[in-house]
Amino acid sequence: MKESIKNDAIKYEPISGREFPRFSAIKTFFRLPHVSKDADYDVGLVGVPYDGGTSYRSGARFAPAHVRQATSLGRGYNWARGETLWPNLKFADIGDCPTVPVDQKMTYARIEKFFGELMKLSKRFIAVGGDHSTTLPILRALHKKHGVLSLIHFDAHLDTYPAAWDCEYHHGTFARHALEEKLIDPKSTLQIGLRGPLVSDEDLAISRKYKIQSTTVDDIRVEGLEKFIERLPRFDDAKCPPTYISFDVDCLDPAYAPGTGTPVPGGLTTYETQRILRALKIRRLVGADIVEVSPPYDHADITALAAMDTMFELMGLMVASKKTR
């Protein structure tokens, strides 16, 4: 879709799989039109190709292209919700945010500038990264527009860890910095899918200091998924700050997401994350991201398909959030 086409000529629907087979055509997220960031869409789907904040396996810079390919299999009707996405909101692929692969500071500046421009246009978005360090400059841009945010954070890791190699900013520190910079409200921060060994008890210090709600896989498995869903906090109260969702694919067990930078056994299933995402009640969902997909370590597109499915559920939440605003 050429950016020069007038807004009223854009049809915000995917290319039909019955006219063009899903393995054909130029790859965009969900085969939706590619438009400029100032077009008249409601929710922009955007790539953030950067992995300079990884501490183990790199490759997440290739995730946006990899996930675009996988979303060729996406559809628009959500059977569980009983609704089709496209009549409710205008979704579009707005390309990739510019990054500098060899300079984290410059990359952060470009990410904050790009998403700041989206905020000036009053756009919502779902970003596909990139490593988890990219969430911090996105939150900084959102904070300038919306103030303090609620955060729903799916992850195997706390991401409140200290500096590594004297580097303050890496993919395991975004949540700590977001708390310290007062970008997010600790009282309305929820972590889901945590597990695995820690270096020491000190790794829990930040969570304890800010009293954030950090739930583990045991909280889901021991008492059961249904009870966990029943206990989920609500984010649809009028006093609740605008909400951001950050979904690290390593919240999933490596069987469901082998292509990620720091896999941890004993994780969530794709079905469990589907159910949890559908159960969330959010009044103002202003943005979301999916991070840590590493294509070089993916097999048979398993991780990319999981990211596609998560993206689909996030799009459904964007529609549901629109109805409650």
Protein backbone atom coordinates (compact mmCIF):
# COMPACT_ATOMS: atom_id res chain seq x y z
CA MET A 1 0.00 0.00 0.00
CA LYS A 2 1.61 3.27 -1.10
CA GLU A 3 1.80 5.98 1.53
CA SER A 4 0.66 8.55 -1.04
CA ILE A 5 -2.81 6.99 -1.30
CA LYS A 6 -5.44 9.16 0.31
CA ASN A 7 -6.74 8.02 3.67
CA ASP A 8 -10.29 7.56 2.43
CA ALA A 9 -9.02 5.08 -0.19
CA ILE A 10 -7.40 2.77 2.36
CA LYS A 11 -9.32 -0.35 3.25
CA TYR A 12 -8.13 -1.45 6.67
CA GLU A 13 -8.57 -5.16 6.08
CA PRO A 14 -6.13 -7.96 5.29
CA ILE A 15 -5.45 -9.23 1.79
CA SER A 16 -7.84 -12.11 1.19
CA GLY A 17 -6.25 -15.53 1.54
CA ARG A 18 -8.76 -16.81 -0.99
CA GLU A 19 -7.52 -14.39 -3.62
CA PHE A 20 -3.81 -14.42 -2.77
CA PRO A 21 -2.51 -17.59 -1.02
CA ARG A 22 -1.07 -16.86 2.39
CA PHE A 23 2.45 -17.72 1.28
CA SER A 24 2.28 -14.96 -1.36
CA ALA A 25 2.19 -11.14 -1.41
CA ILE A 26 4.41 -8.62 0.37
CA LYS A 27 4.63 -9.44 4.07
CA THR A 28 2.96 -7.05 6.49
CA PHE A 29 1.54 -7.75 9.93
CA PHE A 30 -1.65 -9.79 9.40
CA ARG A 31 -1.50 -8.88 5.67
CA LEU A 32 -2.89 -5.47 6.58
CA PRO A 33 -2.12 -2.31 4.59
CA HIS A 34 1.21 -0.59 5.16
CA VAL A 35 0.62 3.11 5.82
CA SER A 36 2.51 6.14 7.10
CA LYS A 37 2.39 6.76 10.83
CA ASP A 38 0.18 9.84 10.33
CA ALA A 39 -2.54 7.98 8.38
CA ASP A 40 -6.05 7.57 9.85
CA TYR A 41 -5.61 4.10 11.44
CA ASP A 42 -6.50 3.52 15.11
CA VAL A 43 -3.84 0.99 16.14
CA GLY A 44 -0.42 0.82 14.50
CA LEU A 45 1.48 -2.46 14.30
CA VAL A 46 5.18 -1.60 14.37
CA GLY A 47 8.52 -3.39 14.46
CA VAL A 48 11.42 -2.46 16.77
CA PRO A 49 14.47 -4.27 15.32
CA TYR A 50 17.12 -4.02 18.03
CA ASP A 51 18.92 -6.52 20.26
CA GLY A 52 21.84 -4.58 21.69
CA GLY A 53 20.52 -5.11 25.21
CA THR A 54 20.69 -8.90 25.20
CA SER A 55 22.92 -10.68 27.70
CA TYR A 56 22.91 -14.21 26.26
CA ARG A 57 21.51 -15.22 22.86
CA SER A 58 21.08 -12.38 20.36
CA GLY A 59 19.00 -12.31 17.18
CA ALA A 60 15.86 -10.45 18.31
CA ARG A 61 16.67 -7.68 15.81
CA PHE A 62 15.26 -10.02 13.15
CA ALA A 63 11.95 -10.55 14.97
CA PRO A 64 9.75 -7.97 13.19
CA ALA A 65 10.34 -9.53 9.77
CA HIS A 66 10.03 -13.06 11.19
CA VAL A 67 6.72 -12.33 12.93
CA ARG A 68 5.34 -10.51 9.88
CA GLN A 69 5.90 -13.70 7.91
CA ALA A 70 4.12 -15.81 10.55
CA THR A 71 1.10 -13.50 10.74
CA SER A 72 0.27 -14.43 7.15
CA LEU A 73 -1.62 -17.26 8.88
CA GLY A 74 -3.58 -14.83 11.03
CA ARG A 75 -7.33 -14.33 10.74
CA GLY A 76 -9.64 -11.63 12.07
CA TYR A 77 -12.47 -13.47 13.82
CA ASN A 78 -11.91 -14.22 17.49
CA TRP A 79 -13.97 -17.33 18.19
CA ALA A 80 -13.69 -16.94 21.97
CA ARG A 81 -14.82 -13.30 21.93
CA GLY A 82 -17.36 -13.80 19.14
CA GLU A 83 -16.26 -10.78 17.13
CA THR A 84 -14.20 -9.75 14.13
CA LEU A 85 -11.39 -7.25 14.63
CA TRP A 86 -11.55 -5.27 11.41
CA PRO A 87 -15.02 -3.62 11.69
CA ASN A 88 -14.22 -2.42 15.22
CA LEU A 89 -10.83 -0.73 14.83
CA LYS A 90 -8.54 0.28 11.99
CA PHE A 91 -5.34 -1.75 12.33
CA ALA A 92 -2.38 -1.09 10.02
CA ASP A 93 1.30 -1.94 9.62
CA ILE A 94 3.25 1.29 10.06
CA GLY A 95 6.67 -0.20 9.38
CA ASP A 96 9.67 -0.31 11.70
CA CYS A 97 10.94 2.18 14.22
CA PRO A 98 14.47 3.38 13.27
CA THR A 99 17.30 1.96 15.39
CA VAL A 100 21.10 2.07 15.49
CA PRO A 101 22.42 -1.49 15.93
CA VAL A 102 25.78 -0.43 17.36
CA ASP A 103 24.64 2.32 19.74
CA GLN A 104 22.10 1.80 22.52
CA LYS A 105 21.87 5.47 23.54
CA MET A 106 21.08 6.56 19.99
CA THR A 107 18.61 3.71 19.63
CA TYR A 108 16.77 4.71 22.83
CA ALA A 109 16.55 8.29 21.54
CA ARG A 110 15.13 7.16 18.22
CA ILE A 111 12.62 4.83 19.84
CA GLU A 112 11.42 7.52 22.24
CA LYS A 113 11.15 10.03 19.38
CA PHE A 114 9.24 7.62 17.13
CA PHE A 115 6.70 6.61 19.78
CA GLY A 116 6.50 10.20 21.01
CA GLU A 117 5.33 11.14 17.52
CA LEU A 118 2.67 8.44 17.71
CA MET A 119 1.53 9.93 21.03
CA LYS A 120 1.23 13.39 19.46
CA LEU A 121 -0.99 11.79 16.83
CA SER A 122 -3.05 10.12 19.61
CA LYS A 123 -2.33 6.67 18.20
CA ARG A 124 -2.30 3.35 20.00
CA PHE A 125 0.09 0.60 18.97
CA ILE A 126 1.37 -2.94 19.32
CA ALA A 127 5.14 -3.15 18.93
CA VAL A 128 7.11 -6.25 17.99
CA GLY A 129 10.72 -6.16 19.22
CA GLY A 130 13.52 -6.44 19.71
CA ASP A 131 14.90 -7.29 23.12
CA HIS A 132 13.16 -6.20 26.32
CA SER A 133 15.40 -3.19 26.82
CA THR A 134 13.37 -1.43 24.10
CA THR A 135 10.32 -1.26 26.38
CA LEU A 136 11.92 1.43 28.56
CA PRO A 137 12.13 4.22 25.93
CA ILE A 138 8.61 3.31 24.79
CA LEU A 139 7.34 3.78 28.35
CA ARG A 140 9.17 7.11 28.54
CA ALA A 141 7.33 8.29 25.43
CA LEU A 142 3.99 7.09 26.77
CA HIS A 143 4.60 8.73 30.14
CA LYS A 144 4.99 12.15 28.52
CA LYS A 145 1.52 11.75 27.01
CA HIS A 146 -0.41 9.78 29.63
CA GLY A 147 1.48 10.23 32.90
CA VAL A 148 2.06 7.28 35.22
CA LEU A 149 1.03 3.95 33.70
CA SER A 150 -0.26 0.59 34.86
CA LEU A 151 1.91 -2.28 33.63
CA ILE A 152 0.98 -5.88 32.91
CA HIS A 153 4.25 -7.73 32.41
CA PHE A 154 4.45 -11.32 31.11
CA ASP A 155 7.95 -12.73 31.65
CA ALA A 156 10.02 -15.56 33.11
CA HIS A 157 12.26 -12.88 34.63
CA LEU A 158 11.65 -10.02 37.04
CA ASP A 159 13.59 -7.53 34.86
CA THR A 160 14.37 -5.52 38.00
CA TYR A 161 17.98 -6.72 38.04
CA PRO A 162 21.08 -4.59 38.67
CA ALA A 163 23.58 -3.35 36.11
CA ALA A 164 25.69 -5.93 34.28
CA TRP A 165 29.30 -5.27 33.28
CA ASP A 166 28.72 -1.74 34.61
CA CYS A 167 25.97 -1.28 31.99
CA GLU A 168 22.81 0.09 33.60
CA TYR A 169 20.56 -0.60 30.62
CA HIS A 170 19.99 -4.11 29.33
CA HIS A 171 17.04 -6.40 28.76
CA GLY A 172 16.90 -7.39 32.42
CA THR A 173 16.56 -3.86 33.86
CA PHE A 174 13.66 -2.17 32.08
CA ALA A 175 11.17 -2.72 34.95
CA ARG A 176 13.61 -1.42 37.60
CA HIS A 177 14.26 1.75 35.65
CA ALA A 178 10.55 2.21 34.90
CA LEU A 179 9.85 2.03 38.66
CA GLU A 180 12.75 4.30 39.62
CA GLU A 181 11.80 6.86 36.96
CA LYS A 182 8.17 6.72 38.17
CA LEU A 183 6.94 5.76 34.71
CA ILE A 184 4.72 3.00 36.14
CA ASP A 185 2.55 2.71 39.23
CA PRO A 186 3.83 -0.08 41.53
CA LYS A 187 0.31 -0.59 42.93
CA SER A 188 -1.02 -1.39 39.46
CA THR A 189 1.93 -3.40 38.17
CA LEU A 190 1.31 -7.10 37.63
CA GLN A 191 3.93 -9.69 36.63
CA ILE A 192 2.85 -13.06 35.23
CA GLY A 193 4.87 -16.21 34.46
CA LEU A 194 7.89 -15.67 36.72
CA ARG A 195 10.02 -18.71 37.54
CA GLY A 196 13.48 -20.19 37.58
CA PRO A 197 16.56 -19.75 39.78
CA LEU A 198 17.89 -16.37 40.88
CA VAL A 199 21.44 -15.32 41.71
CA SER A 200 20.37 -14.71 45.30
CA ASP A 201 17.52 -13.49 47.46
CA GLU A 202 18.71 -9.96 46.68
CA ASP A 203 17.19 -10.28 43.19
CA LEU A 204 13.80 -9.87 44.89
CA ALA A 205 14.76 -6.61 46.61
CA ILE A 206 13.16 -4.26 44.07
CA SER A 207 9.90 -6.21 43.96
CA ARG A 208 9.72 -6.10 47.74
CA LYS A 209 10.65 -2.42 47.92
CA TYR A 210 7.89 -1.36 45.53
CA LYS A 211 5.45 -4.10 46.61
CA ILE A 212 4.52 -5.02 43.05
CA GLN A 213 2.33 -8.05 42.44
CA SER A 214 4.70 -10.70 41.09
CA THR A 215 3.06 -14.05 40.31
CA THR A 216 4.86 -17.25 39.40
CA VAL A 217 3.96 -20.24 37.27
CA ASP A 218 3.32 -22.11 40.54
CA ASP A 219 0.51 -19.63 41.27
CA ILE A 220 -1.16 -20.89 38.10
CA ARG A 221 -0.35 -24.59 38.23
CA VAL A 222 -0.76 -25.46 41.92
CA GLU A 223 -4.27 -24.08 42.38
CA GLY A 224 -5.26 -24.13 38.73
CA LEU A 225 -5.73 -21.70 35.86
CA GLU A 226 -9.38 -20.93 36.63
CA LYS A 227 -8.64 -19.77 40.19
CA PHE A 228 -5.71 -17.71 38.95
CA ILE A 229 -7.96 -15.97 36.42
CA GLU A 230 -10.57 -15.31 39.09
CA ARG A 231 -7.94 -13.55 41.21
CA LEU A 232 -6.58 -11.35 38.43
CA PRO A 233 -6.70 -7.66 39.37
CA ARG A 234 -8.93 -5.46 37.24
CA PHE A 235 -7.58 -2.57 35.23
CA ASP A 236 -10.97 -1.13 34.23
CA ASP A 237 -11.64 1.13 37.19
CA ALA A 238 -11.96 4.80 36.24
CA LYS A 239 -9.17 5.64 38.71
CA CYS A 240 -6.77 3.08 37.22
CA PRO A 241 -3.93 4.66 35.22
CA PRO A 242 -3.73 3.93 31.48
CA THR A 243 -2.40 0.41 30.93
CA TYR A 244 0.53 -0.96 28.98
CA ILE A 245 1.15 -4.67 28.33
CA SER A 246 4.67 -6.00 27.79
CA PHE A 247 4.79 -9.63 26.69
CA ASP A 248 8.20 -11.34 26.77
CA VAL A 249 7.87 -14.65 24.90
CA ASP A 250 10.16 -16.33 27.42
CA CYS A 251 7.17 -16.34 29.78
CA LEU A 252 6.28 -19.37 27.67
CA ASP A 253 7.97 -22.71 28.22
CA PRO A 254 10.78 -23.32 25.68
CA ALA A 255 8.60 -26.07 24.19
CA TYR A 256 6.25 -23.28 23.03
CA ALA A 257 8.88 -20.60 22.43
CA PRO A 258 12.33 -22.07 21.71
CA GLY A 259 13.39 -19.00 19.75
CA THR A 260 14.20 -16.59 22.54
CA GLY A 261 17.28 -15.09 24.15
CA THR A 262 17.12 -16.52 27.68
CA PRO A 263 14.81 -19.57 27.77
CA VAL A 264 13.68 -20.93 31.14
CA PRO A 265 12.09 -24.40 31.57
CA GLY A 266 8.80 -24.81 33.40
CA GLY A 267 6.93 -21.98 31.71
CA LEU A 268 3.43 -21.18 30.58
CA THR A 269 1.66 -22.83 27.67
CA THR A 270 0.25 -20.84 24.76
CA TYR A 271 -3.24 -21.89 25.87
CA GLU A 272 -2.69 -20.48 29.36
CA THR A 273 -1.55 -17.13 27.98
CA GLN A 274 -4.55 -17.05 25.63
CA ARG A 275 -6.92 -17.54 28.54
CA ILE A 276 -5.16 -15.00 30.76
CA LEU A 277 -5.07 -12.35 28.03
CA ARG A 278 -8.77 -12.85 27.25
CA ALA A 279 -9.63 -12.57 30.96
CA LEU A 280 -7.94 -9.19 31.47
CA LYS A 281 -10.31 -6.27 32.05
CA ILE A 282 -8.70 -3.05 30.87
CA ARG A 283 -10.33 0.34 30.54
CA ARG A 284 -7.55 2.21 28.75
CA LEU A 285 -5.03 0.05 26.91
CA VAL A 286 -2.70 2.61 25.36
CA GLY A 287 -0.04 0.29 23.99
CA ALA A 288 1.60 -3.13 24.08
CA ASP A 289 4.69 -4.95 22.95
CA ILE A 290 5.90 -8.47 22.22
CA VAL A 291 9.62 -8.89 22.75
CA GLU A 292 12.53 -11.35 22.84
CA VAL A 293 11.62 -13.41 19.76
CA SER A 294 14.97 -14.61 18.40
CA PRO A 295 14.50 -16.12 14.91
CA PRO A 296 17.95 -17.80 14.72
CA TYR A 297 16.88 -20.07 17.61
CA ASP A 298 13.32 -20.65 16.41
CA HIS A 299 12.25 -24.02 14.99
CA ALA A 300 9.47 -24.49 12.45
CA ASP A 301 8.27 -20.95 13.32
CA ILE A 302 7.00 -22.19 16.71
CA THR A 303 7.96 -18.97 18.51
CA ALA A 304 6.82 -16.71 15.68
CA LEU A 305 3.42 -18.41 15.67
CA ALA A 306 3.16 -17.93 19.43
CA ALA A 307 3.97 -14.23 18.91
CA MET A 308 1.32 -14.05 16.19
CA ASP A 309 -1.26 -15.57 18.52
CA THR A 310 -0.33 -13.16 21.31
CA MET A 311 -0.57 -10.27 18.89
CA PHE A 312 -4.05 -11.43 17.89
CA GLU A 313 -5.18 -11.52 21.53
CA LEU A 314 -3.68 -8.06 22.15
CA MET A 315 -5.61 -6.74 19.16
CA GLY A 316 -8.75 -8.19 20.72
CA LEU A 317 -7.91 -6.38 23.97
CA MET A 318 -7.51 -3.15 22.01
CA VAL A 319 -11.05 -3.59 20.70
CA ALA A 320 -12.39 -4.45 24.17
CA SER A 321 -10.58 -1.45 25.65
CA LYS A 322 -12.18 0.82 23.05
CA LYS A 323 -15.63 -0.31 24.16
CA THR A 324 -15.00 0.53 27.82
CA ARG A 325 -13.30 3.92 27.37
